N, C-alpha and C. Protein backbone atom coordinates (compact mmCIF):
# COMPACT_ATOMS: atom_id res chain seq x y z
N MET A 1 -20.37 31.79 0.55
CA MET A 1 -19.17 31.80 1.36
C MET A 1 -17.95 31.59 0.47
N SER A 2 -16.88 32.29 0.77
CA SER A 2 -15.67 32.16 -0.02
C SER A 2 -14.56 31.47 0.77
N ASP A 3 -14.89 30.96 1.96
CA ASP A 3 -13.85 30.28 2.74
C ASP A 3 -13.87 28.78 2.42
N ASN A 4 -13.04 28.05 3.12
CA ASN A 4 -13.01 26.61 3.02
C ASN A 4 -13.64 26.07 4.30
N PRO A 5 -14.92 25.79 4.29
CA PRO A 5 -15.58 25.37 5.53
C PRO A 5 -15.06 24.03 6.03
N LEU A 6 -15.18 23.82 7.33
CA LEU A 6 -14.85 22.54 7.93
C LEU A 6 -16.13 21.74 8.10
N PHE A 7 -16.09 20.49 7.70
CA PHE A 7 -17.26 19.62 7.75
C PHE A 7 -17.12 18.61 8.89
N PHE A 8 -18.14 18.54 9.74
CA PHE A 8 -18.18 17.59 10.84
C PHE A 8 -19.45 16.75 10.70
N PRO A 9 -19.38 15.70 9.86
CA PRO A 9 -20.60 14.91 9.59
C PRO A 9 -21.15 14.22 10.83
N GLU A 10 -20.27 13.90 11.78
CA GLU A 10 -20.76 13.23 12.98
C GLU A 10 -21.64 14.14 13.83
N HIS A 11 -21.52 15.46 13.62
CA HIS A 11 -22.35 16.44 14.33
C HIS A 11 -23.33 17.14 13.39
N ASP A 12 -23.36 16.70 12.12
CA ASP A 12 -24.22 17.32 11.11
C ASP A 12 -24.00 18.83 11.08
N ALA A 13 -22.70 19.21 11.04
CA ALA A 13 -22.37 20.64 11.13
C ALA A 13 -21.36 21.03 10.06
N VAL A 14 -21.53 22.24 9.55
CA VAL A 14 -20.56 22.87 8.66
C VAL A 14 -20.16 24.18 9.31
N VAL A 15 -18.85 24.35 9.55
CA VAL A 15 -18.36 25.53 10.27
C VAL A 15 -17.63 26.43 9.30
N HIS A 16 -18.15 27.67 9.14
CA HIS A 16 -17.51 28.66 8.30
C HIS A 16 -16.67 29.57 9.19
N GLY A 17 -15.36 29.47 9.06
CA GLY A 17 -14.51 30.26 9.94
C GLY A 17 -13.44 31.04 9.21
N GLY A 18 -13.65 31.30 7.92
CA GLY A 18 -12.64 32.05 7.19
C GLY A 18 -11.37 31.26 6.93
N ASN A 19 -11.52 29.95 6.78
CA ASN A 19 -10.36 29.09 6.53
C ASN A 19 -9.99 29.18 5.06
N PHE A 20 -9.55 30.36 4.66
CA PHE A 20 -9.36 30.61 3.24
C PHE A 20 -8.04 30.08 2.71
N PHE A 21 -7.14 29.64 3.58
CA PHE A 21 -5.83 29.21 3.12
C PHE A 21 -5.53 27.81 3.64
N GLY A 22 -5.42 26.85 2.74
CA GLY A 22 -5.31 25.44 3.13
C GLY A 22 -3.91 24.88 3.13
N GLN A 23 -2.89 25.74 3.27
CA GLN A 23 -1.51 25.23 3.22
C GLN A 23 -1.21 24.19 4.30
N PRO A 24 -1.66 24.36 5.55
CA PRO A 24 -1.36 23.32 6.55
C PRO A 24 -1.90 21.94 6.15
N ALA A 25 -3.11 21.90 5.61
CA ALA A 25 -3.68 20.62 5.17
C ALA A 25 -2.88 20.04 4.01
N ALA A 26 -2.41 20.91 3.12
CA ALA A 26 -1.60 20.45 1.98
C ALA A 26 -0.28 19.86 2.47
N PHE A 27 0.35 20.50 3.45
CA PHE A 27 1.60 19.96 4.01
C PHE A 27 1.37 18.56 4.59
N VAL A 28 0.30 18.42 5.35
CA VAL A 28 0.01 17.13 5.98
C VAL A 28 -0.25 16.05 4.93
N ALA A 29 -1.01 16.38 3.90
CA ALA A 29 -1.28 15.41 2.84
C ALA A 29 0.00 15.00 2.12
N ASP A 30 0.89 15.96 1.88
CA ASP A 30 2.17 15.64 1.24
C ASP A 30 3.02 14.75 2.14
N LEU A 31 3.03 15.03 3.44
CA LEU A 31 3.79 14.19 4.36
C LEU A 31 3.23 12.77 4.42
N LEU A 32 1.91 12.67 4.33
CA LEU A 32 1.28 11.35 4.28
C LEU A 32 1.73 10.59 3.03
N THR A 33 1.78 11.29 1.91
CA THR A 33 2.25 10.66 0.67
C THR A 33 3.69 10.17 0.82
N ILE A 34 4.56 11.02 1.33
CA ILE A 34 5.98 10.67 1.47
C ILE A 34 6.14 9.47 2.40
N SER A 35 5.42 9.47 3.52
CA SER A 35 5.51 8.35 4.46
C SER A 35 5.01 7.06 3.84
N THR A 36 3.93 7.15 3.08
CA THR A 36 3.37 5.96 2.44
C THR A 36 4.32 5.41 1.39
N VAL A 37 4.96 6.29 0.64
CA VAL A 37 5.93 5.84 -0.37
C VAL A 37 7.08 5.10 0.31
N GLN A 38 7.54 5.60 1.44
CA GLN A 38 8.63 4.91 2.13
C GLN A 38 8.19 3.53 2.64
N MET A 39 6.95 3.41 3.11
CA MET A 39 6.44 2.10 3.50
C MET A 39 6.33 1.18 2.28
N GLY A 40 5.95 1.76 1.13
CA GLY A 40 5.91 0.99 -0.10
C GLY A 40 7.28 0.48 -0.49
N ASN A 41 8.30 1.31 -0.28
CA ASN A 41 9.67 0.90 -0.56
C ASN A 41 10.04 -0.32 0.29
N LEU A 42 9.66 -0.29 1.55
CA LEU A 42 9.95 -1.42 2.44
C LEU A 42 9.23 -2.69 1.96
N ALA A 43 7.95 -2.58 1.62
CA ALA A 43 7.19 -3.75 1.17
C ALA A 43 7.78 -4.34 -0.11
N GLU A 44 8.14 -3.48 -1.05
CA GLU A 44 8.70 -3.98 -2.31
C GLU A 44 10.05 -4.63 -2.10
N ARG A 45 10.88 -4.08 -1.20
CA ARG A 45 12.18 -4.68 -0.92
C ARG A 45 12.04 -6.01 -0.19
N GLN A 46 11.04 -6.13 0.67
CA GLN A 46 10.78 -7.41 1.33
C GLN A 46 10.37 -8.46 0.30
N LEU A 47 9.55 -8.05 -0.64
CA LEU A 47 9.14 -8.96 -1.71
C LEU A 47 10.35 -9.38 -2.53
N ASP A 48 11.23 -8.44 -2.85
CA ASP A 48 12.44 -8.75 -3.61
C ASP A 48 13.32 -9.75 -2.85
N LEU A 49 13.42 -9.56 -1.54
CA LEU A 49 14.21 -10.47 -0.72
C LEU A 49 13.65 -11.89 -0.75
N LEU A 50 12.33 -12.01 -0.72
CA LEU A 50 11.69 -13.33 -0.72
C LEU A 50 11.94 -14.13 -1.99
N ILE A 51 12.07 -13.46 -3.13
CA ILE A 51 12.20 -14.20 -4.39
C ILE A 51 13.64 -14.48 -4.79
N ASP A 52 14.60 -13.90 -4.08
CA ASP A 52 16.01 -14.02 -4.45
C ASP A 52 16.66 -15.19 -3.72
N PRO A 53 17.02 -16.27 -4.43
CA PRO A 53 17.58 -17.45 -3.76
C PRO A 53 18.93 -17.19 -3.09
N HIS A 54 19.59 -16.10 -3.42
CA HIS A 54 20.87 -15.76 -2.79
C HIS A 54 20.67 -15.11 -1.42
N ARG A 55 19.44 -14.69 -1.14
CA ARG A 55 19.20 -13.95 0.11
C ARG A 55 17.97 -14.44 0.87
N ASN A 56 17.27 -15.45 0.40
CA ASN A 56 16.00 -15.81 1.03
C ASN A 56 16.04 -17.08 1.89
N GLY A 57 17.24 -17.51 2.25
CA GLY A 57 17.34 -18.65 3.16
C GLY A 57 17.01 -19.99 2.55
N GLY A 58 17.24 -20.14 1.26
CA GLY A 58 17.06 -21.44 0.63
C GLY A 58 15.76 -21.66 -0.10
N LEU A 59 14.93 -20.64 -0.21
CA LEU A 59 13.69 -20.77 -0.98
C LEU A 59 14.02 -20.74 -2.47
N PRO A 60 13.20 -21.35 -3.32
CA PRO A 60 13.50 -21.38 -4.75
C PRO A 60 13.34 -20.01 -5.40
N PRO A 61 14.01 -19.79 -6.54
CA PRO A 61 13.88 -18.51 -7.25
C PRO A 61 12.43 -18.22 -7.59
N MET A 62 12.03 -17.00 -7.39
CA MET A 62 10.68 -16.51 -7.69
C MET A 62 9.59 -17.29 -6.92
N LEU A 63 10.02 -18.07 -5.93
CA LEU A 63 9.10 -18.90 -5.14
C LEU A 63 8.33 -19.88 -6.03
N ALA A 64 8.95 -20.25 -7.14
CA ALA A 64 8.30 -21.18 -8.08
C ALA A 64 8.37 -22.60 -7.52
N THR A 65 7.29 -23.33 -7.67
CA THR A 65 7.28 -24.74 -7.24
C THR A 65 8.28 -25.55 -8.05
N GLU A 66 8.37 -25.26 -9.34
CA GLU A 66 9.34 -25.92 -10.22
C GLU A 66 10.17 -24.85 -10.91
N PRO A 67 11.23 -24.37 -10.27
CA PRO A 67 12.04 -23.31 -10.87
C PRO A 67 12.54 -23.69 -12.26
N GLY A 68 12.49 -22.74 -13.17
CA GLY A 68 12.88 -22.98 -14.55
C GLY A 68 11.73 -23.42 -15.43
N GLN A 69 10.69 -23.97 -14.82
CA GLN A 69 9.52 -24.39 -15.57
C GLN A 69 8.30 -23.54 -15.22
N GLN A 70 8.35 -22.90 -14.06
CA GLN A 70 7.26 -22.04 -13.62
C GLN A 70 7.80 -20.67 -13.23
N HIS A 71 6.90 -19.68 -13.25
CA HIS A 71 7.31 -18.30 -12.94
C HIS A 71 7.10 -17.91 -11.48
N GLY A 72 6.31 -18.66 -10.74
CA GLY A 72 6.04 -18.31 -9.35
C GLY A 72 5.41 -16.93 -9.25
N VAL A 73 6.03 -16.06 -8.46
CA VAL A 73 5.49 -14.70 -8.26
C VAL A 73 6.27 -13.66 -9.06
N GLN A 74 6.97 -14.10 -10.10
CA GLN A 74 7.80 -13.18 -10.88
C GLN A 74 7.00 -12.01 -11.43
N GLY A 75 5.84 -12.27 -12.02
CA GLY A 75 5.04 -11.18 -12.58
C GLY A 75 4.55 -10.22 -11.51
N VAL A 76 4.19 -10.75 -10.35
CA VAL A 76 3.73 -9.90 -9.25
C VAL A 76 4.87 -8.99 -8.79
N GLN A 77 6.08 -9.54 -8.69
CA GLN A 77 7.22 -8.72 -8.25
C GLN A 77 7.56 -7.64 -9.27
N LEU A 78 7.49 -7.97 -10.55
CA LEU A 78 7.74 -6.96 -11.58
C LEU A 78 6.72 -5.83 -11.50
N ALA A 79 5.46 -6.19 -11.32
CA ALA A 79 4.40 -5.17 -11.19
C ALA A 79 4.59 -4.35 -9.93
N ALA A 80 5.03 -4.98 -8.85
CA ALA A 80 5.26 -4.25 -7.59
C ALA A 80 6.39 -3.24 -7.75
N THR A 81 7.44 -3.61 -8.46
CA THR A 81 8.54 -2.68 -8.69
C THR A 81 8.08 -1.49 -9.52
N ALA A 82 7.30 -1.75 -10.56
CA ALA A 82 6.77 -0.66 -11.38
C ALA A 82 5.83 0.24 -10.57
N THR A 83 5.03 -0.38 -9.69
CA THR A 83 4.12 0.39 -8.85
C THR A 83 4.91 1.30 -7.92
N LEU A 84 5.97 0.77 -7.32
CA LEU A 84 6.79 1.59 -6.43
C LEU A 84 7.43 2.75 -7.18
N ALA A 85 7.92 2.49 -8.39
CA ALA A 85 8.51 3.57 -9.18
C ALA A 85 7.50 4.68 -9.43
N ASP A 86 6.26 4.30 -9.73
CA ASP A 86 5.20 5.29 -9.93
C ASP A 86 4.91 6.05 -8.63
N MET A 87 4.89 5.34 -7.51
CA MET A 87 4.67 5.99 -6.22
C MET A 87 5.77 7.01 -5.92
N ARG A 88 7.00 6.66 -6.23
CA ARG A 88 8.12 7.58 -5.97
C ARG A 88 7.98 8.86 -6.81
N ARG A 89 7.56 8.69 -8.05
CA ARG A 89 7.37 9.89 -8.89
C ARG A 89 6.25 10.76 -8.33
N SER A 90 5.29 10.14 -7.65
CA SER A 90 4.16 10.88 -7.09
C SER A 90 4.50 11.58 -5.79
N ALA A 91 5.69 11.34 -5.26
CA ALA A 91 6.04 11.87 -3.94
C ALA A 91 6.51 13.32 -3.97
N VAL A 92 6.59 13.93 -5.15
CA VAL A 92 6.94 15.35 -5.21
C VAL A 92 5.82 16.14 -4.56
N PRO A 93 6.12 16.96 -3.55
CA PRO A 93 5.05 17.66 -2.82
C PRO A 93 4.23 18.58 -3.71
N ALA A 94 2.92 18.45 -3.62
CA ALA A 94 2.03 19.38 -4.33
C ALA A 94 2.03 20.74 -3.66
N SER A 95 2.25 20.77 -2.36
CA SER A 95 2.12 22.02 -1.59
C SER A 95 3.17 23.06 -1.91
N ILE A 96 4.21 22.69 -2.67
CA ILE A 96 5.24 23.67 -3.03
C ILE A 96 5.11 24.13 -4.48
N GLN A 97 4.03 23.77 -5.13
CA GLN A 97 3.87 24.05 -6.56
C GLN A 97 3.05 25.31 -6.85
N SER A 98 3.01 26.23 -5.94
CA SER A 98 2.15 27.41 -6.08
C SER A 98 2.42 28.18 -7.37
N ILE A 99 1.33 28.51 -8.05
CA ILE A 99 1.40 29.33 -9.26
C ILE A 99 0.32 30.41 -9.12
N PRO A 100 0.71 31.70 -9.11
CA PRO A 100 -0.30 32.75 -9.00
C PRO A 100 -1.32 32.66 -10.13
N THR A 101 -2.57 32.96 -9.82
CA THR A 101 -3.64 32.86 -10.81
C THR A 101 -4.70 33.92 -10.53
N ASN A 102 -5.68 33.98 -11.41
CA ASN A 102 -6.80 34.89 -11.23
C ASN A 102 -6.33 36.34 -11.12
N GLY A 103 -5.46 36.73 -12.05
CA GLY A 103 -4.94 38.10 -12.04
C GLY A 103 -4.17 38.40 -10.77
N HIS A 104 -3.51 37.42 -10.23
CA HIS A 104 -2.75 37.52 -8.98
C HIS A 104 -3.65 37.77 -7.77
N ASN A 105 -4.96 37.62 -7.96
CA ASN A 105 -5.84 37.67 -6.81
C ASN A 105 -5.55 36.48 -5.89
N GLN A 106 -5.26 35.33 -6.53
CA GLN A 106 -4.81 34.15 -5.79
C GLN A 106 -3.31 34.06 -6.01
N ASP A 107 -2.55 34.66 -5.10
CA ASP A 107 -1.11 34.76 -5.34
C ASP A 107 -0.33 33.55 -4.82
N VAL A 108 -0.79 32.91 -3.78
CA VAL A 108 -0.13 31.71 -3.25
C VAL A 108 -1.20 30.61 -3.13
N ILE A 109 -1.03 29.58 -3.92
CA ILE A 109 -2.03 28.52 -3.99
C ILE A 109 -1.48 27.29 -3.26
N PRO A 110 -2.18 26.77 -2.26
CA PRO A 110 -1.64 25.66 -1.49
C PRO A 110 -1.70 24.29 -2.17
N PHE A 111 -2.59 24.13 -3.16
CA PHE A 111 -2.77 22.84 -3.84
C PHE A 111 -3.10 21.71 -2.87
N GLY A 112 -3.90 22.02 -1.88
CA GLY A 112 -4.28 21.01 -0.90
C GLY A 112 -5.12 19.89 -1.47
N THR A 113 -6.01 20.23 -2.41
CA THR A 113 -6.84 19.18 -3.01
C THR A 113 -5.98 18.20 -3.80
N GLN A 114 -5.03 18.74 -4.57
CA GLN A 114 -4.14 17.85 -5.33
C GLN A 114 -3.30 16.99 -4.39
N ALA A 115 -2.83 17.60 -3.29
CA ALA A 115 -2.03 16.84 -2.32
C ALA A 115 -2.85 15.72 -1.70
N ALA A 116 -4.09 16.00 -1.36
CA ALA A 116 -4.94 14.99 -0.73
C ALA A 116 -5.28 13.87 -1.71
N LEU A 117 -5.61 14.23 -2.96
CA LEU A 117 -5.93 13.20 -3.96
C LEU A 117 -4.70 12.34 -4.26
N ASN A 118 -3.54 12.95 -4.28
CA ASN A 118 -2.30 12.21 -4.50
C ASN A 118 -2.05 11.23 -3.35
N ALA A 119 -2.29 11.69 -2.13
CA ALA A 119 -2.13 10.80 -0.97
C ALA A 119 -3.07 9.60 -1.07
N LEU A 120 -4.28 9.83 -1.53
CA LEU A 120 -5.24 8.74 -1.70
C LEU A 120 -4.76 7.76 -2.77
N ASP A 121 -4.26 8.28 -3.88
CA ASP A 121 -3.76 7.40 -4.95
C ASP A 121 -2.59 6.55 -4.45
N VAL A 122 -1.68 7.16 -3.72
CA VAL A 122 -0.51 6.44 -3.22
C VAL A 122 -0.93 5.38 -2.20
N ALA A 123 -1.92 5.71 -1.37
CA ALA A 123 -2.42 4.73 -0.40
C ALA A 123 -3.05 3.53 -1.11
N THR A 124 -3.73 3.78 -2.22
CA THR A 124 -4.31 2.69 -3.00
C THR A 124 -3.20 1.79 -3.56
N SER A 125 -2.13 2.40 -4.04
CA SER A 125 -0.99 1.62 -4.54
C SER A 125 -0.34 0.83 -3.40
N MET A 126 -0.26 1.44 -2.22
CA MET A 126 0.33 0.77 -1.07
C MET A 126 -0.46 -0.48 -0.71
N ARG A 127 -1.76 -0.38 -0.79
CA ARG A 127 -2.62 -1.54 -0.52
C ARG A 127 -2.30 -2.68 -1.49
N TRP A 128 -2.09 -2.33 -2.75
CA TRP A 128 -1.75 -3.33 -3.76
C TRP A 128 -0.39 -3.96 -3.45
N LEU A 129 0.58 -3.15 -3.02
CA LEU A 129 1.90 -3.69 -2.68
C LEU A 129 1.81 -4.65 -1.50
N HIS A 130 1.03 -4.29 -0.50
CA HIS A 130 0.88 -5.18 0.65
C HIS A 130 0.20 -6.49 0.24
N GLY A 131 -0.78 -6.42 -0.66
CA GLY A 131 -1.39 -7.63 -1.15
C GLY A 131 -0.40 -8.50 -1.90
N SER A 132 0.49 -7.87 -2.66
CA SER A 132 1.51 -8.61 -3.40
C SER A 132 2.48 -9.31 -2.46
N LEU A 133 2.92 -8.59 -1.42
CA LEU A 133 3.82 -9.19 -0.44
C LEU A 133 3.14 -10.34 0.30
N ALA A 134 1.88 -10.15 0.65
CA ALA A 134 1.15 -11.20 1.35
C ALA A 134 1.01 -12.45 0.48
N LEU A 135 0.76 -12.27 -0.80
CA LEU A 135 0.68 -13.41 -1.72
C LEU A 135 2.01 -14.16 -1.76
N ALA A 136 3.12 -13.41 -1.81
CA ALA A 136 4.44 -14.04 -1.83
C ALA A 136 4.71 -14.79 -0.53
N LEU A 137 4.29 -14.24 0.59
CA LEU A 137 4.46 -14.93 1.87
C LEU A 137 3.67 -16.24 1.89
N ARG A 138 2.47 -16.18 1.31
CA ARG A 138 1.66 -17.40 1.23
C ARG A 138 2.38 -18.46 0.38
N GLN A 139 2.96 -18.03 -0.74
CA GLN A 139 3.66 -18.96 -1.62
C GLN A 139 4.93 -19.49 -0.97
N ALA A 140 5.58 -18.66 -0.17
CA ALA A 140 6.80 -19.09 0.53
C ALA A 140 6.50 -20.26 1.47
N VAL A 141 5.33 -20.25 2.09
CA VAL A 141 4.92 -21.37 2.94
C VAL A 141 4.79 -22.64 2.09
N HIS A 142 4.24 -22.49 0.89
CA HIS A 142 4.04 -23.65 0.02
C HIS A 142 5.37 -24.25 -0.44
N VAL A 143 6.30 -23.41 -0.86
CA VAL A 143 7.56 -23.94 -1.42
C VAL A 143 8.62 -24.19 -0.36
N GLY A 144 8.47 -23.59 0.81
CA GLY A 144 9.50 -23.72 1.83
C GLY A 144 9.09 -24.50 3.06
N GLY A 145 7.79 -24.66 3.23
CA GLY A 145 7.31 -25.42 4.36
C GLY A 145 7.56 -24.76 5.70
N ARG A 146 7.87 -23.46 5.70
CA ARG A 146 8.14 -22.77 6.96
C ARG A 146 6.99 -21.84 7.29
N ARG A 147 6.76 -21.68 8.58
CA ARG A 147 5.73 -20.75 9.06
C ARG A 147 6.35 -19.84 10.09
N PRO A 148 5.80 -18.64 10.24
CA PRO A 148 6.31 -17.76 11.30
C PRO A 148 6.08 -18.38 12.67
N THR A 149 6.95 -18.06 13.61
CA THR A 149 6.79 -18.58 14.97
C THR A 149 5.99 -17.62 15.86
N ALA A 150 5.94 -16.35 15.51
CA ALA A 150 5.14 -15.40 16.30
C ALA A 150 3.66 -15.71 16.08
N PRO A 151 2.89 -15.88 17.14
CA PRO A 151 1.49 -16.31 16.99
C PRO A 151 0.65 -15.41 16.07
N ALA A 152 0.76 -14.09 16.20
CA ALA A 152 -0.06 -13.21 15.36
C ALA A 152 0.33 -13.33 13.89
N CYS A 153 1.64 -13.42 13.61
CA CYS A 153 2.09 -13.58 12.23
C CYS A 153 1.65 -14.92 11.67
N ALA A 154 1.75 -15.97 12.48
CA ALA A 154 1.32 -17.30 12.03
C ALA A 154 -0.17 -17.31 11.73
N ALA A 155 -0.95 -16.59 12.52
CA ALA A 155 -2.40 -16.53 12.28
C ALA A 155 -2.71 -15.84 10.96
N VAL A 156 -1.96 -14.78 10.62
CA VAL A 156 -2.15 -14.10 9.33
C VAL A 156 -1.81 -15.05 8.19
N VAL A 157 -0.68 -15.74 8.30
CA VAL A 157 -0.28 -16.68 7.25
C VAL A 157 -1.31 -17.80 7.11
N ASP A 158 -1.83 -18.29 8.22
CA ASP A 158 -2.86 -19.34 8.15
C ASP A 158 -4.08 -18.87 7.37
N ARG A 159 -4.46 -17.62 7.59
CA ARG A 159 -5.61 -17.09 6.86
C ARG A 159 -5.30 -16.94 5.38
N LEU A 160 -4.08 -16.55 5.06
CA LEU A 160 -3.68 -16.45 3.65
C LEU A 160 -3.69 -17.83 2.99
N VAL A 161 -3.18 -18.83 3.68
CA VAL A 161 -3.14 -20.19 3.15
C VAL A 161 -4.56 -20.70 2.92
N GLU A 162 -5.47 -20.37 3.82
CA GLU A 162 -6.86 -20.80 3.69
C GLU A 162 -7.56 -20.12 2.52
N ALA A 163 -7.20 -18.85 2.27
CA ALA A 163 -7.91 -18.06 1.26
C ALA A 163 -7.34 -18.19 -0.15
N ILE A 164 -6.05 -18.52 -0.25
CA ILE A 164 -5.38 -18.49 -1.55
C ILE A 164 -4.70 -19.84 -1.81
N ALA A 165 -4.98 -20.41 -2.97
CA ALA A 165 -4.35 -21.68 -3.35
C ALA A 165 -2.89 -21.46 -3.70
N PRO A 166 -2.05 -22.49 -3.54
CA PRO A 166 -0.65 -22.36 -3.97
C PRO A 166 -0.56 -22.06 -5.46
N ILE A 167 0.50 -21.40 -5.85
CA ILE A 167 0.72 -21.10 -7.27
C ILE A 167 1.42 -22.31 -7.87
N ASP A 168 0.65 -23.25 -8.32
CA ASP A 168 1.18 -24.49 -8.90
C ASP A 168 0.04 -25.19 -9.62
N PRO A 169 -0.01 -25.08 -10.94
CA PRO A 169 0.94 -24.43 -11.85
C PRO A 169 0.73 -22.91 -11.90
N ASP A 170 1.50 -22.26 -12.79
CA ASP A 170 1.36 -20.82 -12.97
C ASP A 170 -0.07 -20.47 -13.37
N ARG A 171 -0.51 -19.27 -12.96
CA ARG A 171 -1.84 -18.77 -13.32
C ARG A 171 -1.80 -17.26 -13.21
N PRO A 172 -2.78 -16.55 -13.78
CA PRO A 172 -2.87 -15.10 -13.53
C PRO A 172 -3.05 -14.85 -12.04
N LEU A 173 -2.37 -13.86 -11.49
CA LEU A 173 -2.37 -13.65 -10.05
C LEU A 173 -3.02 -12.36 -9.60
N ASP A 174 -3.62 -11.61 -10.53
CA ASP A 174 -4.21 -10.33 -10.14
C ASP A 174 -5.33 -10.52 -9.11
N ASN A 175 -6.16 -11.54 -9.29
CA ASN A 175 -7.24 -11.77 -8.34
C ASN A 175 -6.69 -12.21 -6.98
N ASP A 176 -5.63 -13.01 -6.99
CA ASP A 176 -5.03 -13.44 -5.72
C ASP A 176 -4.47 -12.25 -4.94
N VAL A 177 -3.88 -11.29 -5.65
CA VAL A 177 -3.38 -10.09 -4.97
C VAL A 177 -4.54 -9.32 -4.35
N ARG A 178 -5.65 -9.24 -5.07
CA ARG A 178 -6.84 -8.56 -4.52
C ARG A 178 -7.37 -9.28 -3.28
N VAL A 179 -7.43 -10.61 -3.35
CA VAL A 179 -7.91 -11.39 -2.20
C VAL A 179 -7.00 -11.15 -1.00
N ALA A 180 -5.69 -11.17 -1.22
CA ALA A 180 -4.74 -10.95 -0.12
C ALA A 180 -4.91 -9.55 0.47
N ALA A 181 -5.08 -8.55 -0.40
CA ALA A 181 -5.26 -7.17 0.09
C ALA A 181 -6.54 -7.04 0.91
N GLU A 182 -7.62 -7.68 0.44
CA GLU A 182 -8.88 -7.63 1.19
C GLU A 182 -8.76 -8.34 2.53
N LEU A 183 -8.03 -9.44 2.56
CA LEU A 183 -7.82 -10.15 3.81
C LEU A 183 -7.05 -9.27 4.80
N LEU A 184 -6.03 -8.57 4.31
CA LEU A 184 -5.27 -7.66 5.18
C LEU A 184 -6.16 -6.52 5.67
N ASP A 185 -7.07 -6.04 4.82
CA ASP A 185 -8.03 -5.02 5.26
C ASP A 185 -8.87 -5.54 6.42
N ASP A 186 -9.35 -6.77 6.29
CA ASP A 186 -10.17 -7.37 7.34
C ASP A 186 -9.38 -7.47 8.65
N ILE A 187 -8.13 -7.89 8.53
CA ILE A 187 -7.29 -8.02 9.73
C ILE A 187 -7.04 -6.65 10.36
N ALA A 188 -6.77 -5.65 9.53
CA ALA A 188 -6.50 -4.30 10.04
C ALA A 188 -7.70 -3.74 10.81
N GLU A 189 -8.89 -4.09 10.39
CA GLU A 189 -10.08 -3.61 11.10
C GLU A 189 -10.17 -4.19 12.49
N LEU A 190 -9.55 -5.34 12.73
CA LEU A 190 -9.58 -5.97 14.05
C LEU A 190 -8.49 -5.45 14.98
N LEU A 191 -7.48 -4.77 14.45
CA LEU A 191 -6.32 -4.39 15.24
C LEU A 191 -6.63 -3.56 16.49
N PRO A 192 -7.59 -2.63 16.47
CA PRO A 192 -7.82 -1.86 17.70
C PRO A 192 -8.30 -2.69 18.87
N GLU A 193 -8.84 -3.88 18.61
CA GLU A 193 -9.32 -4.72 19.69
C GLU A 193 -8.14 -5.20 20.55
N GLU A 194 -8.41 -5.37 21.83
CA GLU A 194 -7.33 -5.76 22.75
C GLU A 194 -6.78 -7.12 22.42
N GLU A 195 -7.62 -8.04 22.01
CA GLU A 195 -7.16 -9.39 21.74
C GLU A 195 -7.73 -9.83 20.41
N ILE A 196 -6.85 -10.30 19.54
CA ILE A 196 -7.26 -10.79 18.23
C ILE A 196 -7.24 -12.31 18.26
N SER A 197 -8.35 -12.92 17.95
CA SER A 197 -8.38 -14.37 17.88
C SER A 197 -9.12 -14.78 16.62
N TRP A 198 -8.54 -15.72 15.90
CA TRP A 198 -9.17 -16.20 14.67
C TRP A 198 -9.51 -17.64 14.88
């Protein structure tokens, strides 16, 4: 077969329908990438707001327990900014990069596979950004003594506090970011349920 078959694993079926041109799927994958990058921008800016004592409602710089002697989440925020910059560079649509090939037998190439793989890479980075923001929120509770008043948000923070120790003294935080990201994954799996109780 020379088409792009559709796979339906839940029905144990492969459907060959002459789907030889994957541009619609490439467009959707590119839009997914662009949307995810914009969500990453929001997460990184929220993290930046949390560490800035001029805008964070009285929390210490970098959420450090002892500002000037400790770094708090400074390294995490720097890595998050670099991650977002990489995500932005990845947001150039693959679906518009057509280059004729195969003696012009393939004259318009949708690049759907590249678009889909790029969307997956950006989603992985987004997960890391959310873990970074969650770690900072956990640290904000430690240095500021404040908790969210919305019950669902407070429940998430309580789980973060239970799973992650305060950053005091400084320590490598890569594992803490992973723990926070995994915790958010667990919470996201519960979201379709009508009532979430922890």
